[in-house]
Amino acid sequence: MSDSQQPTVQFLSAEESVDVDKALLSTHEKFLTRLTISSLRLLKHIAEDLGIAVEELTHQQVIDWFEKDGKIRREQGSDAAFLKW
């Protein structure tokens, strides 16, 4: 499978979303919970891409990864980048 044919990554499953909705949290807390779950999934991908454990990730590696993904999006189009926005 080529990079441009990557399957779309789902950062929050329907089941996870339902579980967050059922939680006894405020709207703001639910938003932060969804963001945190999605961020964890993205951090796991970045760590895997770099061949390291999530715990070893530095802020600079995360910044560098976002720069790389942004460059791919600008040069090859949105479909070639990991993040689809």
PDB file of N, CA and C in Angstrom:
ATOM      1  N   MET A   1       0.851  -1.175   0.000  1.00  0.00           N
ATOM      2  CA  MET A   1       0.000   0.000   0.000  1.00  0.00           C
ATOM      3  C   MET A   1       0.892   1.232   0.000  1.00  0.00           C
ATOM      4  N   SER A   2       0.686   2.160  -0.908  1.00  0.00           N
ATOM      5  CA  SER A   2       1.503   3.366  -0.956  1.00  0.00           C
ATOM      6  C   SER A   2       1.052   4.334   0.119  1.00  0.00           C
ATOM      7  N   ASP A   3       1.928   5.339   0.411  1.00  0.00           N
ATOM      8  CA  ASP A   3       1.593   6.327   1.424  1.00  0.00           C
ATOM      9  C   ASP A   3       0.299   7.050   1.094  1.00  0.00           C
ATOM     10  N   SER A   4       0.027   7.286  -0.182  1.00  0.00           N
ATOM     11  CA  SER A   4      -1.175   8.018  -0.548  1.00  0.00           C
ATOM     12  C   SER A   4      -2.432   7.163  -0.410  1.00  0.00           C
ATOM     13  N   GLN A   5      -2.254   5.878  -0.118  1.00  0.00           N
ATOM     14  CA  GLN A   5      -3.396   4.993   0.049  1.00  0.00           C
ATOM     15  C   GLN A   5      -3.547   4.536   1.504  1.00  0.00           C
ATOM     16  N   GLN A   6      -2.960   5.313   2.434  1.00  0.00           N
ATOM     17  CA  GLN A   6      -3.074   4.972   3.841  1.00  0.00           C
ATOM     18  C   GLN A   6      -4.537   4.953   4.250  1.00  0.00           C
ATOM     19  N   PRO A   7      -4.919   3.980   5.084  1.00  0.00           N
ATOM     20  CA  PRO A   7      -6.283   4.023   5.603  1.00  0.00           C
ATOM     21  C   PRO A   7      -6.424   5.227   6.530  1.00  0.00           C
ATOM     22  N   THR A   8      -7.603   5.792   6.585  1.00  0.00           N
ATOM     23  CA  THR A   8      -7.851   6.917   7.463  1.00  0.00           C
ATOM     24  C   THR A   8      -7.822   6.438   8.904  1.00  0.00           C
ATOM     25  N   VAL A   9      -7.077   7.132   9.732  1.00  0.00           N
ATOM     26  CA  VAL A   9      -6.966   6.783  11.133  1.00  0.00           C
ATOM     27  C   VAL A   9      -8.123   7.428  11.883  1.00  0.00           C
ATOM     28  N   GLN A  10      -8.757   6.642  12.723  1.00  0.00           N
ATOM     29  CA  GLN A  10      -9.840   7.164  13.543  1.00  0.00           C
ATOM     30  C   GLN A  10      -9.252   7.458  14.918  1.00  0.00           C
ATOM     31  N   PHE A  11      -9.295   8.714  15.322  1.00  0.00           N
ATOM     32  CA  PHE A  11      -8.681   9.104  16.585  1.00  0.00           C
ATOM     33  C   PHE A  11      -9.587   8.894  17.783  1.00  0.00           C
ATOM     34  N   LEU A  12     -10.884   8.741  17.547  1.00  0.00           N
ATOM     35  CA  LEU A  12     -11.824   8.449  18.623  1.00  0.00           C
ATOM     36  C   LEU A  12     -12.910   7.556  18.037  1.00  0.00           C
ATOM     37  N   SER A  13     -12.991   6.355  18.544  1.00  0.00           N
ATOM     38  CA  SER A  13     -13.988   5.418  18.003  1.00  0.00           C
ATOM     39  C   SER A  13     -15.383   5.824  18.465  1.00  0.00           C
ATOM     40  N   ALA A  14     -16.376   5.282  17.780  1.00  0.00           N
ATOM     41  CA  ALA A  14     -17.773   5.544  18.161  1.00  0.00           C
ATOM     42  C   ALA A  14     -18.021   5.061  19.586  1.00  0.00           C
ATOM     43  N   GLU A  15     -17.476   3.905  19.926  1.00  0.00           N
ATOM     44  CA  GLU A  15     -17.647   3.360  21.278  1.00  0.00           C
ATOM     45  C   GLU A  15     -17.016   4.278  22.326  1.00  0.00           C
ATOM     46  N   GLU A  16     -15.820   4.766  22.042  1.00  0.00           N
ATOM     47  CA  GLU A  16     -15.160   5.682  22.977  1.00  0.00           C
ATOM     48  C   GLU A  16     -15.972   6.962  23.144  1.00  0.00           C
ATOM     49  N   SER A  17     -16.486   7.464  22.045  1.00  0.00           N
ATOM     50  CA  SER A  17     -17.289   8.680  22.099  1.00  0.00           C
ATOM     51  C   SER A  17     -18.546   8.486  22.956  1.00  0.00           C
ATOM     52  N   VAL A  18     -19.204   7.332  22.786  1.00  0.00           N
ATOM     53  CA  VAL A  18     -20.386   7.022  23.592  1.00  0.00           C
ATOM     54  C   VAL A  18     -20.004   6.930  25.067  1.00  0.00           C
ATOM     55  N   ASP A  19     -18.877   6.291  25.352  1.00  0.00           N
ATOM     56  CA  ASP A  19     -18.430   6.164  26.747  1.00  0.00           C
ATOM     57  C   ASP A  19     -18.167   7.534  27.361  1.00  0.00           C
ATOM     58  N   VAL A  20     -17.555   8.429  26.593  1.00  0.00           N
ATOM     59  CA  VAL A  20     -17.314   9.785  27.090  1.00  0.00           C
ATOM     60  C   VAL A  20     -18.649  10.488  27.334  1.00  0.00           C
ATOM     61  N   ASP A  21     -19.583  10.338  26.406  1.00  0.00           N
ATOM     62  CA  ASP A  21     -20.900  10.964  26.569  1.00  0.00           C
ATOM     63  C   ASP A  21     -21.603  10.476  27.833  1.00  0.00           C
ATOM     64  N   LYS A  22     -21.444   9.194  28.163  1.00  0.00           N
ATOM     65  CA  LYS A  22     -22.109   8.620  29.339  1.00  0.00           C
ATOM     66  C   LYS A  22     -21.433   9.028  30.648  1.00  0.00           C
ATOM     67  N   ALA A  23     -20.192   9.472  30.570  1.00  0.00           N
ATOM     68  CA  ALA A  23     -19.444   9.821  31.781  1.00  0.00           C
ATOM     69  C   ALA A  23     -20.081  11.023  32.478  1.00  0.00           C
ATOM     70  N   LEU A  24     -19.962  11.039  33.768  1.00  0.00           N
ATOM     71  CA  LEU A  24     -20.513  12.138  34.568  1.00  0.00           C
ATOM     72  C   LEU A  24     -19.526  13.307  34.570  1.00  0.00           C
ATOM     73  N   LEU A  25     -19.415  13.931  33.395  1.00  0.00           N
ATOM     74  CA  LEU A  25     -18.472  15.033  33.197  1.00  0.00           C
ATOM     75  C   LEU A  25     -19.207  16.236  32.626  1.00  0.00           C
ATOM     76  N   SER A  26     -18.643  17.409  32.856  1.00  0.00           N
ATOM     77  CA  SER A  26     -19.187  18.612  32.234  1.00  0.00           C
ATOM     78  C   SER A  26     -18.846  18.594  30.739  1.00  0.00           C
ATOM     79  N   THR A  27     -19.475  19.450  29.994  1.00  0.00           N
ATOM     80  CA  THR A  27     -19.205  19.542  28.554  1.00  0.00           C
ATOM     81  C   THR A  27     -17.727  19.817  28.309  1.00  0.00           C
ATOM     82  N   HIS A  28     -17.152  20.730  29.076  1.00  0.00           N
ATOM     83  CA  HIS A  28     -15.736  21.067  28.935  1.00  0.00           C
ATOM     84  C   HIS A  28     -14.859  19.847  29.238  1.00  0.00           C
ATOM     85  N   GLU A  29     -15.194  19.116  30.299  1.00  0.00           N
ATOM     86  CA  GLU A  29     -14.420  17.931  30.666  1.00  0.00           C
ATOM     87  C   GLU A  29     -14.536  16.842  29.596  1.00  0.00           C
ATOM     88  N   LYS A  30     -15.714  16.697  28.999  1.00  0.00           N
ATOM     89  CA  LYS A  30     -15.894  15.716  27.923  1.00  0.00           C
ATOM     90  C   LYS A  30     -15.034  16.084  26.718  1.00  0.00           C
ATOM     91  N   PHE A  31     -14.998  17.373  26.373  1.00  0.00           N
ATOM     92  CA  PHE A  31     -14.147  17.819  25.268  1.00  0.00           C
ATOM     93  C   PHE A  31     -12.688  17.479  25.560  1.00  0.00           C
ATOM     94  N   LEU A  32     -12.219  17.807  26.762  1.00  0.00           N
ATOM     95  CA  LEU A  32     -10.826  17.527  27.114  1.00  0.00           C
ATOM     96  C   LEU A  32     -10.536  16.029  27.134  1.00  0.00           C
ATOM     97  N   THR A  33     -11.509  15.235  27.550  1.00  0.00           N
ATOM     98  CA  THR A  33     -11.337  13.781  27.545  1.00  0.00           C
ATOM     99  C   THR A  33     -11.186  13.265  26.125  1.00  0.00           C
ATOM    100  N   ARG A  34     -12.051  13.723  25.215  1.00  0.00           N
ATOM    101  CA  ARG A  34     -11.939  13.313  23.800  1.00  0.00           C
ATOM    102  C   ARG A  34     -10.592  13.743  23.217  1.00  0.00           C
ATOM    103  N   LEU A  35     -10.185  14.966  23.522  1.00  0.00           N
ATOM    104  CA  LEU A  35      -8.904  15.480  23.035  1.00  0.00           C
ATOM    105  C   LEU A  35      -7.746  14.638  23.565  1.00  0.00           C
ATOM    106  N   THR A  36      -7.811  14.256  24.817  1.00  0.00           N
ATOM    107  CA  THR A  36      -6.740  13.469  25.425  1.00  0.00           C
ATOM    108  C   THR A  36      -6.657  12.071  24.819  1.00  0.00           C
ATOM    109  N   ILE A  37      -7.793  11.429  24.629  1.00  0.00           N
ATOM    110  CA  ILE A  37      -7.804  10.100  24.002  1.00  0.00           C
ATOM    111  C   ILE A  37      -7.234  10.187  22.583  1.00  0.00           C
ATOM    112  N   SER A  38      -7.661  11.186  21.834  1.00  0.00           N
ATOM    113  CA  SER A  38      -7.169  11.366  20.466  1.00  0.00           C
ATOM    114  C   SER A  38      -5.675  11.674  20.462  1.00  0.00           C
ATOM    115  N   SER A  39      -5.240  12.501  21.388  1.00  0.00           N
ATOM    116  CA  SER A  39      -3.815  12.863  21.472  1.00  0.00           C
ATOM    117  C   SER A  39      -2.963  11.652  21.805  1.00  0.00           C
ATOM    118  N   LEU A  40      -3.449  10.811  22.706  1.00  0.00           N
ATOM    119  CA  LEU A  40      -2.707   9.593  23.036  1.00  0.00           C
ATOM    120  C   LEU A  40      -2.535   8.719  21.804  1.00  0.00           C
ATOM    121  N   ARG A  41      -3.611   8.571  21.036  1.00  0.00           N
ATOM    122  CA  ARG A  41      -3.534   7.767  19.826  1.00  0.00           C
ATOM    123  C   ARG A  41      -2.504   8.361  18.848  1.00  0.00           C
ATOM    124  N   LEU A  42      -2.493   9.672  18.695  1.00  0.00           N
ATOM    125  CA  LEU A  42      -1.532  10.322  17.801  1.00  0.00           C
ATOM    126  C   LEU A  42      -0.108  10.180  18.329  1.00  0.00           C
ATOM    127  N   LEU A  43       0.081  10.352  19.633  1.00  0.00           N
ATOM    128  CA  LEU A  43       1.421  10.189  20.205  1.00  0.00           C
ATOM    129  C   LEU A  43       1.950   8.772  20.014  1.00  0.00           C
ATOM    130  N   LYS A  44       1.073   7.790  20.134  1.00  0.00           N
ATOM    131  CA  LYS A  44       1.486   6.404  19.885  1.00  0.00           C
ATOM    132  C   LYS A  44       1.941   6.237  18.438  1.00  0.00           C
ATOM    133  N   HIS A  45       1.217   6.867  17.498  1.00  0.00           N
ATOM    134  CA  HIS A  45       1.610   6.784  16.087  1.00  0.00           C
ATOM    135  C   HIS A  45       2.968   7.448  15.862  1.00  0.00           C
ATOM    136  N   ILE A  46       3.153   8.630  16.432  1.00  0.00           N
ATOM    137  CA  ILE A  46       4.421   9.350  16.261  1.00  0.00           C
ATOM    138  C   ILE A  46       5.570   8.514  16.816  1.00  0.00           C
ATOM    139  N   ALA A  47       5.389   7.957  17.999  1.00  0.00           N
ATOM    140  CA  ALA A  47       6.444   7.137  18.607  1.00  0.00           C
ATOM    141  C   ALA A  47       6.754   5.924  17.739  1.00  0.00           C
ATOM    142  N   GLU A  48       5.717   5.273  17.234  1.00  0.00           N
ATOM    143  CA  GLU A  48       5.921   4.115  16.360  1.00  0.00           C
ATOM    144  C   GLU A  48       6.665   4.527  15.093  1.00  0.00           C
ATOM    145  N   ASP A  49       6.279   5.667  14.523  1.00  0.00           N
ATOM    146  CA  ASP A  49       6.925   6.179  13.323  1.00  0.00           C
ATOM    147  C   ASP A  49       8.417   6.440  13.566  1.00  0.00           C
ATOM    148  N   LEU A  50       8.744   6.890  14.774  1.00  0.00           N
ATOM    149  CA  LEU A  50      10.136   7.187  15.119  1.00  0.00           C
ATOM    150  C   LEU A  50      10.874   5.973  15.688  1.00  0.00           C
ATOM    151  N   GLY A  51      10.137   4.902  15.941  1.00  0.00           N
ATOM    152  CA  GLY A  51      10.760   3.691  16.468  1.00  0.00           C
ATOM    153  C   GLY A  51      11.167   3.785  17.925  1.00  0.00           C
ATOM    154  N   ILE A  52      10.411   4.549  18.705  1.00  0.00           N
ATOM    155  CA  ILE A  52      10.711   4.692  20.128  1.00  0.00           C
ATOM    156  C   ILE A  52       9.432   4.504  20.946  1.00  0.00           C
ATOM    157  N   ALA A  53       9.599   4.387  22.251  1.00  0.00           N
ATOM    158  CA  ALA A  53       8.452   4.284  23.155  1.00  0.00           C
ATOM    159  C   ALA A  53       7.832   5.665  23.341  1.00  0.00           C
ATOM    160  N   VAL A  54       6.534   5.700  23.555  1.00  0.00           N
ATOM    161  CA  VAL A  54       5.833   6.972  23.776  1.00  0.00           C
ATOM    162  C   VAL A  54       6.495   7.762  24.902  1.00  0.00           C
ATOM    163  N   GLU A  55       6.884   7.062  25.943  1.00  0.00           N
ATOM    164  CA  GLU A  55       7.498   7.720  27.103  1.00  0.00           C
ATOM    165  C   GLU A  55       8.810   8.418  26.758  1.00  0.00           C
ATOM    166  N   GLU A  56       9.442   8.022  25.660  1.00  0.00           N
ATOM    167  CA  GLU A  56      10.716   8.617  25.265  1.00  0.00           C
ATOM    168  C   GLU A  56      10.550   9.840  24.369  1.00  0.00           C
ATOM    169  N   LEU A  57       9.335  10.089  23.894  1.00  0.00           N
ATOM    170  CA  LEU A  57       9.101  11.226  23.008  1.00  0.00           C
ATOM    171  C   LEU A  57       9.444  12.536  23.703  1.00  0.00           C
ATOM    172  N   THR A  58      10.094  13.408  22.963  1.00  0.00           N
ATOM    173  CA  THR A  58      10.356  14.755  23.470  1.00  0.00           C
ATOM    174  C   THR A  58       9.445  15.734  22.748  1.00  0.00           C
ATOM    175  N   HIS A  59       9.298  16.908  23.319  1.00  0.00           N
ATOM    176  CA  HIS A  59       8.464  17.912  22.654  1.00  0.00           C
ATOM    177  C   HIS A  59       9.034  18.263  21.285  1.00  0.00           C
ATOM    178  N   GLN A  60      10.363  18.266  21.147  1.00  0.00           N
ATOM    179  CA  GLN A  60      10.970  18.610  19.859  1.00  0.00           C
ATOM    180  C   GLN A  60      10.682  17.545  18.812  1.00  0.00           C
ATOM    181  N   GLN A  61      10.652  16.282  19.196  1.00  0.00           N
ATOM    182  CA  GLN A  61      10.317  15.223  18.250  1.00  0.00           C
ATOM    183  C   GLN A  61       8.872  15.365  17.770  1.00  0.00           C
ATOM    184  N   VAL A  62       7.973  15.758  18.659  1.00  0.00           N
ATOM    185  CA  VAL A  62       6.577  15.963  18.272  1.00  0.00           C
ATOM    186  C   VAL A  62       6.480  17.136  17.310  1.00  0.00           C
ATOM    187  N   ILE A  63       7.165  18.224  17.612  1.00  0.00           N
ATOM    188  CA  ILE A  63       7.177  19.395  16.715  1.00  0.00           C
ATOM    189  C   ILE A  63       7.736  19.011  15.358  1.00  0.00           C
ATOM    190  N   ASP A  64       8.870  18.311  15.358  1.00  0.00           N
ATOM    191  CA  ASP A  64       9.498  17.893  14.098  1.00  0.00           C
ATOM    192  C   ASP A  64       8.561  17.004  13.281  1.00  0.00           C
ATOM    193  N   TRP A  65       7.850  16.093  13.961  1.00  0.00           N
ATOM    194  CA  TRP A  65       6.931  15.210  13.259  1.00  0.00           C
ATOM    195  C   TRP A  65       5.808  16.016  12.605  1.00  0.00           C
ATOM    196  N   PHE A  66       5.252  16.992  13.325  1.00  0.00           N
ATOM    197  CA  PHE A  66       4.192  17.827  12.756  1.00  0.00           C
ATOM    198  C   PHE A  66       4.713  18.636  11.568  1.00  0.00           C
ATOM    199  N   GLU A  67       5.954  19.134  11.668  1.00  0.00           N
ATOM    200  CA  GLU A  67       6.540  19.861  10.539  1.00  0.00           C
ATOM    201  C   GLU A  67       6.679  18.953   9.326  1.00  0.00           C
ATOM    202  N   LYS A  68       7.146  17.733   9.561  1.00  0.00           N
ATOM    203  CA  LYS A  68       7.308  16.762   8.472  1.00  0.00           C
ATOM    204  C   LYS A  68       5.960  16.442   7.835  1.00  0.00           C
ATOM    205  N   ASP A  69       4.937  16.190   8.646  1.00  0.00           N
ATOM    206  CA  ASP A  69       3.622  15.863   8.118  1.00  0.00           C
ATOM    207  C   ASP A  69       3.034  17.061   7.357  1.00  0.00           C
ATOM    208  N   GLY A  70       3.248  18.262   7.869  1.00  0.00           N
ATOM    209  CA  GLY A  70       2.786  19.467   7.173  1.00  0.00           C
ATOM    210  C   GLY A  70       3.477  19.649   5.834  1.00  0.00           C
ATOM    211  N   LYS A  71       4.765  19.360   5.798  1.00  0.00           N
ATOM    212  CA  LYS A  71       5.515  19.465   4.541  1.00  0.00           C
ATOM    213  C   LYS A  71       4.983  18.469   3.514  1.00  0.00           C
ATOM    214  N   ILE A  72       4.709  17.252   3.960  1.00  0.00           N
ATOM    215  CA  ILE A  72       4.139  16.237   3.061  1.00  0.00           C
ATOM    216  C   ILE A  72       2.802  16.736   2.511  1.00  0.00           C
ATOM    217  N   ARG A  73       1.969  17.316   3.377  1.00  0.00           N
ATOM    218  CA  ARG A  73       0.652  17.819   2.951  1.00  0.00           C
ATOM    219  C   ARG A  73       0.807  18.920   1.897  1.00  0.00           C
ATOM    220  N   ARG A  74       1.743  19.833   2.141  1.00  0.00           N
ATOM    221  CA  ARG A  74       1.945  20.951   1.206  1.00  0.00           C
ATOM    222  C   ARG A  74       2.513  20.471  -0.130  1.00  0.00           C
ATOM    223  N   GLU A  75       3.441  19.528  -0.082  1.00  0.00           N
ATOM    224  CA  GLU A  75       4.129  19.102  -1.293  1.00  0.00           C
ATOM    225  C   GLU A  75       3.408  17.991  -2.063  1.00  0.00           C
ATOM    226  N   GLN A  76       2.714  17.098  -1.345  1.00  0.00           N
ATOM    227  CA  GLN A  76       2.116  15.933  -1.992  1.00  0.00           C
ATOM    228  C   GLN A  76       0.602  15.890  -1.887  1.00  0.00           C
ATOM    229  N   GLY A  77       0.044  16.786  -1.126  1.00  0.00           N
ATOM    230  CA  GLY A  77      -1.407  16.820  -0.963  1.00  0.00           C
ATOM    231  C   GLY A  77      -1.863  16.184   0.332  1.00  0.00           C
ATOM    232  N   SER A  78      -3.083  16.500   0.697  1.00  0.00           N
ATOM    233  CA  SER A  78      -3.654  16.049   1.969  1.00  0.00           C
ATOM    234  C   SER A  78      -3.700  14.529   2.100  1.00  0.00           C
ATOM    235  N   ASP A  79      -3.961  13.842   0.997  1.00  0.00           N
ATOM    236  CA  ASP A  79      -4.061  12.382   1.059  1.00  0.00           C
ATOM    237  C   ASP A  79      -2.747  11.707   1.421  1.00  0.00           C
ATOM    238  N   ALA A  80      -1.617  12.347   1.134  1.00  0.00           N
ATOM    239  CA  ALA A  80      -0.324  11.757   1.419  1.00  0.00           C
ATOM    240  C   ALA A  80       0.101  11.963   2.886  1.00  0.00           C
ATOM    241  N   ALA A  81      -0.462  12.973   3.537  1.00  0.00           N
ATOM    242  CA  ALA A  81      -0.117  13.267   4.921  1.00  0.00           C
ATOM    243  C   ALA A  81      -0.863  12.320   5.856  1.00  0.00           C
ATOM    244  N   PHE A  82      -0.330  12.165   7.063  1.00  0.00           N
ATOM    245  CA  PHE A  82      -1.005  11.317   8.052  1.00  0.00           C
ATOM    246  C   PHE A  82      -2.255  11.997   8.574  1.00  0.00           C
ATOM    247  N   LEU A  83      -2.120  13.270   8.946  1.00  0.00           N
ATOM    248  CA  LEU A  83      -3.260  14.022   9.466  1.00  0.00           C
ATOM    249  C   LEU A  83      -4.076  14.564   8.301  1.00  0.00           C
ATOM    250  N   LYS A  84      -5.352  14.343   8.338  1.00  0.00           N
ATOM    251  CA  LYS A  84      -6.235  14.748   7.238  1.00  0.00           C
ATOM    252  C   LYS A  84      -7.065  15.946   7.657  1.00  0.00           C
ATOM    253  N   TRP A  85      -6.561  17.133   7.456  1.00  0.00           N
ATOM    254  CA  TRP A  85      -7.340  18.339   7.719  1.00  0.00           C
ATOM    255  C   TRP A  85      -6.986  19.419   6.771  1.00  0.00           C
TER     256      TRP A  85
END
